[in-house]
Amino acid sequence: MRTGSEPTTARSALRARFWLTLWGLVWAVFGTTAFALTGRTGWAVACGVLWLIITVDLTVILHRLRQGPHYQPGPDIPPYQPPDDGPGPGRGPGPGPGLGPGPHDHRP
């Protein structure tokens, strides 16, 4: 069910990101080493830059995992409630005249 507030209440599957990033890190290290040993400097540099990006991403993921269950959703964490403060930015002014209440209009 879409509520229109997904960008502000979105949560990430950090454990899946962790394992995928770790897999990418292994391949980036392997690629950097293999290309450096075979004399392909351009590809070695490209893999080295990827290695750096992956390391930064892994650091962010580990930081967020250590922050606790508020940042790592699990089965015991309920979904966020959508904000109920009017149309908000990006959702337009409302249904307009003669169109009736909109899907987010819960006023009596």
Protein backbone atom coordinates (compact mmCIF):
# COMPACT_ATOMS: atom_id res chain seq x y z
CA MET A 1 0.00 0.00 0.00
CA ARG A 2 1.47 3.35 -1.02
CA THR A 3 1.04 6.29 1.33
CA GLY A 4 3.01 8.95 -0.53
CA SER A 5 5.58 9.22 2.26
CA GLU A 6 7.89 6.43 1.13
CA PRO A 7 11.01 8.55 0.53
CA THR A 8 10.90 9.91 4.10
CA THR A 9 10.01 6.63 5.83
CA ALA A 10 11.95 4.17 3.68
CA ARG A 11 14.11 1.62 5.45
CA SER A 12 16.87 -0.53 4.02
CA ALA A 13 17.59 -4.22 4.49
CA LEU A 14 21.01 -3.57 6.00
CA ARG A 15 22.00 -7.20 6.45
CA ALA A 16 21.39 -7.92 2.77
CA ARG A 17 23.33 -4.78 1.83
CA PHE A 18 26.14 -5.91 4.14
CA TRP A 19 26.51 -9.33 2.50
CA LEU A 20 26.22 -7.97 -1.05
CA THR A 21 28.80 -5.29 -0.27
CA LEU A 22 31.13 -7.88 1.23
CA TRP A 23 30.77 -9.97 -1.94
CA GLY A 24 31.58 -6.91 -4.04
CA LEU A 25 34.58 -6.14 -1.83
CA VAL A 26 36.03 -9.61 -2.41
CA TRP A 27 35.69 -9.21 -6.18
CA ALA A 28 37.10 -5.66 -6.16
CA VAL A 29 40.18 -6.80 -4.21
CA PHE A 30 40.59 -9.79 -6.52
CA GLY A 31 40.19 -7.62 -9.62
CA THR A 32 42.65 -5.00 -8.38
CA THR A 33 45.25 -7.64 -7.58
CA ALA A 34 44.77 -9.67 -10.75
CA PHE A 35 44.87 -6.67 -13.07
CA ALA A 36 47.87 -5.17 -11.27
CA LEU A 37 49.81 -8.45 -11.59
CA THR A 38 49.01 -8.80 -15.29
CA GLY A 39 50.05 -5.22 -16.08
CA ARG A 40 46.62 -3.81 -16.91
CA THR A 41 46.99 -0.57 -15.00
CA GLY A 42 43.74 1.07 -16.14
CA TRP A 43 41.61 -1.84 -15.03
CA ALA A 44 43.56 -2.11 -11.77
CA VAL A 45 42.87 1.57 -11.04
CA ALA A 46 39.18 1.14 -11.90
CA CYS A 47 38.90 -1.81 -9.53
CA GLY A 48 40.84 0.13 -6.89
CA VAL A 49 38.38 3.03 -7.10
CA LEU A 50 35.51 0.55 -6.82
CA TRP A 51 37.28 -0.98 -3.82
CA LEU A 52 37.40 2.44 -2.16
CA ILE A 53 33.70 3.12 -2.82
CA ILE A 54 32.73 -0.30 -1.50
CA THR A 55 34.82 0.24 1.64
CA VAL A 56 33.07 3.55 2.36
CA ASP A 57 29.67 1.92 1.79
CA LEU A 58 30.61 -0.97 4.08
CA THR A 59 31.63 1.51 6.78
CA VAL A 60 28.26 3.28 6.56
CA ILE A 61 26.39 -0.03 6.67
CA LEU A 62 28.32 -1.22 9.73
CA HIS A 63 27.72 2.11 11.47
CA ARG A 64 23.97 1.85 10.88
CA LEU A 65 23.87 -1.79 11.95
CA ARG A 66 25.54 -0.87 15.24
CA GLN A 67 22.99 1.87 15.89
CA GLY A 68 20.45 -0.75 16.81
CA PRO A 69 16.98 -1.95 15.88
CA HIS A 70 15.62 1.51 15.07
CA TYR A 71 17.86 1.54 12.01
CA GLN A 72 17.74 -2.21 11.33
CA PRO A 73 14.10 -3.25 10.91
CA GLY A 74 13.09 -6.69 12.05
CA PRO A 75 9.85 -8.58 12.62
CA ASP A 76 9.35 -6.87 16.00
CA ILE A 77 9.62 -3.33 14.52
CA PRO A 78 6.23 -2.06 13.29
CA PRO A 79 6.06 -0.05 10.07
CA TYR A 80 6.13 3.72 10.36
CA GLN A 81 2.79 5.47 10.34
CA PRO A 82 2.30 7.77 7.36
CA PRO A 83 2.35 11.47 8.23
CA ASP A 84 -1.09 13.01 8.54
CA ASP A 85 -0.27 16.68 8.05
CA GLY A 86 -2.08 17.61 4.85
CA PRO A 87 -1.10 17.21 1.23
CA GLY A 88 2.58 18.12 1.78
CA PRO A 89 5.17 18.85 -0.86
CA GLY A 90 4.97 16.86 -4.05
CA ARG A 91 1.45 15.58 -3.50
CA GLY A 92 -0.43 18.50 -5.02
CA PRO A 93 -3.13 20.74 -3.61
CA GLY A 94 -5.82 18.08 -3.32
CA PRO A 95 -8.61 16.59 -5.43
CA GLY A 96 -10.00 19.92 -6.70
CA PRO A 97 -13.60 21.09 -6.92
CA GLY A 98 -16.28 18.50 -7.54
CA LEU A 99 -13.96 15.49 -7.35
CA GLY A 100 -14.79 14.47 -3.79
CA PRO A 101 -12.33 13.51 -1.06
CA GLY A 102 -8.93 12.21 -2.05
CA PRO A 103 -7.47 8.87 -0.94
CA HIS A 104 -5.53 10.56 1.90
CA ASP A 105 -8.34 12.81 3.12
CA HIS A 106 -9.50 11.30 6.43
CA ARG A 107 -11.33 14.36 7.74
CA PRO A 108 -14.96 13.86 8.92
